[in-house]
Amino acid sequence: MMKLESKTKNLTLIEHLEVAESFLARGKGLLGRSSLGADQALWIHDCNSIHTFFMKFAIDCVFVDKSLKVKAIYENVQPWRLVLPIWGARSVVEMAAGSARRLNMNVGDQLNVVT
């Protein structure tokens, strides 16, 4: 399992980072789940916008560029919402609602993914 770290703050943010790289995995995202733990997140590659149609819980969305620099943070995105494309974003990390604030994440932070 991968981990999400903040190079800016020199700490581990998410202990259990799942990766969605394939077309099917990216399309499914978090659909079908009833919740997401505080130490879990899903990193969706090749994605600069998201929807929460058919989801059962709210999420925080952290959009990053190709070097994993945070471009935008959307907190507490409720089910049945749409986040329009983020300029310069190449992927998104979806995490439990409240996580971005709890982890003190900010636009401009440099993230890192480790195995």
Protein backbone atom coordinates (compact mmCIF):
# COMPACT_ATOMS: atom_id res chain seq x y z
CA MET A 1 0.00 0.00 0.00
CA MET A 2 1.18 3.52 -0.74
CA LYS A 3 1.35 6.51 1.60
CA LEU A 4 0.71 10.19 0.93
CA GLU A 5 3.23 12.57 2.44
CA SER A 6 3.60 16.33 2.62
CA LYS A 7 7.10 17.40 1.63
CA THR A 8 6.15 20.93 2.64
CA LYS A 9 5.31 19.92 6.21
CA ASN A 10 7.56 16.83 6.35
CA LEU A 11 4.87 14.44 7.60
CA THR A 12 2.74 11.50 6.53
CA LEU A 13 -0.80 12.59 5.67
CA ILE A 14 -2.49 9.32 4.62
CA GLU A 15 -1.28 5.86 5.65
CA HIS A 16 -3.41 3.89 3.16
CA LEU A 17 -3.44 5.44 -0.32
CA GLU A 18 -5.17 3.44 -3.02
CA VAL A 19 -4.39 4.24 -6.66
CA ALA A 20 -6.88 4.29 -9.53
CA GLU A 21 -4.96 4.23 -12.81
CA SER A 22 -7.05 2.12 -15.18
CA PHE A 23 -10.06 3.50 -17.01
CA LEU A 24 -12.40 1.23 -15.04
CA ALA A 25 -10.86 2.05 -11.66
CA ARG A 26 -10.92 5.79 -12.38
CA GLY A 27 -14.55 5.60 -13.47
CA LYS A 28 -15.64 3.68 -10.40
CA GLY A 29 -13.71 5.80 -7.91
CA LEU A 30 -15.33 5.53 -4.49
CA LEU A 31 -18.72 4.40 -5.81
CA GLY A 32 -20.18 1.49 -3.89
CA ARG A 33 -18.46 2.35 -0.62
CA SER A 34 -20.38 3.49 2.41
CA SER A 35 -17.50 5.42 3.98
CA LEU A 36 -13.79 6.14 3.90
CA GLY A 37 -11.54 5.94 6.96
CA ALA A 38 -9.60 8.94 8.24
CA ASP A 39 -6.33 7.22 7.24
CA GLN A 40 -7.55 6.21 3.75
CA ALA A 41 -7.66 8.01 0.41
CA LEU A 42 -8.01 7.28 -3.29
CA TRP A 43 -5.60 8.85 -5.79
CA ILE A 44 -7.22 9.09 -9.24
CA HIS A 45 -4.77 9.57 -12.11
CA ASP A 46 -5.53 11.59 -15.25
CA CYS A 47 -8.37 13.42 -13.56
CA ASN A 48 -8.94 17.17 -13.20
CA SER A 49 -12.65 17.15 -12.34
CA ILE A 50 -14.91 14.84 -10.34
CA HIS A 51 -18.55 14.10 -9.61
CA THR A 52 -20.13 12.56 -6.54
CA PHE A 53 -23.25 11.22 -8.25
CA PHE A 54 -24.52 8.04 -6.56
CA MET A 55 -22.07 8.40 -3.65
CA LYS A 56 -23.20 7.79 -0.08
CA PHE A 57 -20.91 10.21 1.77
CA ALA A 58 -19.13 13.56 1.47
CA ILE A 59 -15.44 13.80 0.56
CA ASP A 60 -12.56 16.26 0.41
CA CYS A 61 -10.87 16.54 -3.00
CA VAL A 62 -7.25 17.63 -3.33
CA PHE A 63 -6.29 18.37 -6.95
CA VAL A 64 -2.58 18.19 -7.79
CA ASP A 65 -0.43 18.92 -10.84
CA LYS A 66 2.00 16.49 -12.48
CA SER A 67 4.62 17.13 -9.78
CA LEU A 68 2.02 16.63 -6.99
CA LYS A 69 1.83 20.29 -6.03
CA VAL A 70 -1.63 21.12 -4.64
CA LYS A 71 -3.61 23.23 -7.14
CA ALA A 72 -7.03 23.28 -5.43
CA ILE A 73 -8.82 21.85 -2.41
CA TYR A 74 -12.57 21.26 -2.28
CA GLU A 75 -13.81 20.43 1.20
CA ASN A 76 -16.95 18.52 2.18
CA VAL A 77 -18.17 17.82 -1.36
CA GLN A 78 -21.60 16.32 -0.80
CA PRO A 79 -23.16 13.49 -2.85
CA TRP A 80 -24.72 14.51 -6.18
CA ARG A 81 -22.27 17.36 -6.82
CA LEU A 82 -19.92 18.20 -9.68
CA VAL A 83 -16.48 19.83 -9.43
CA LEU A 84 -15.58 21.43 -12.74
CA PRO A 85 -12.10 21.01 -14.26
CA ILE A 86 -9.21 22.53 -12.32
CA TRP A 87 -6.68 24.33 -14.53
CA GLY A 88 -3.30 22.58 -14.34
CA ALA A 89 -4.49 19.61 -12.27
CA ARG A 90 -3.45 16.14 -13.45
CA SER A 91 -4.89 13.99 -10.66
CA VAL A 92 -7.01 14.15 -7.53
CA VAL A 93 -6.79 12.65 -4.08
CA GLU A 94 -10.21 11.90 -2.61
CA MET A 95 -10.35 11.57 1.19
CA ALA A 96 -12.89 11.57 3.99
CA ALA A 97 -14.67 14.88 4.53
CA GLY A 98 -12.78 17.02 7.02
CA SER A 99 -9.40 15.43 6.25
CA ALA A 100 -7.89 18.36 4.34
CA ARG A 101 -8.59 20.75 7.22
CA ARG A 102 -7.52 18.23 9.88
CA LEU A 103 -4.25 17.64 8.02
CA ASN A 104 -3.74 21.39 7.51
CA MET A 105 -3.42 21.00 3.73
CA ASN A 106 -3.04 24.16 1.66
CA VAL A 107 -2.90 25.15 -2.00
CA GLY A 108 0.78 25.19 -2.96
CA ASP A 109 1.81 22.32 -0.66
CA GLN A 110 4.19 19.82 -2.25
CA LEU A 111 3.02 16.22 -1.80
CA ASN A 112 4.84 12.93 -2.32
CA VAL A 113 3.68 9.33 -2.73
CA VAL A 114 5.80 6.50 -1.27
CA THR A 115 5.44 2.74 -1.12
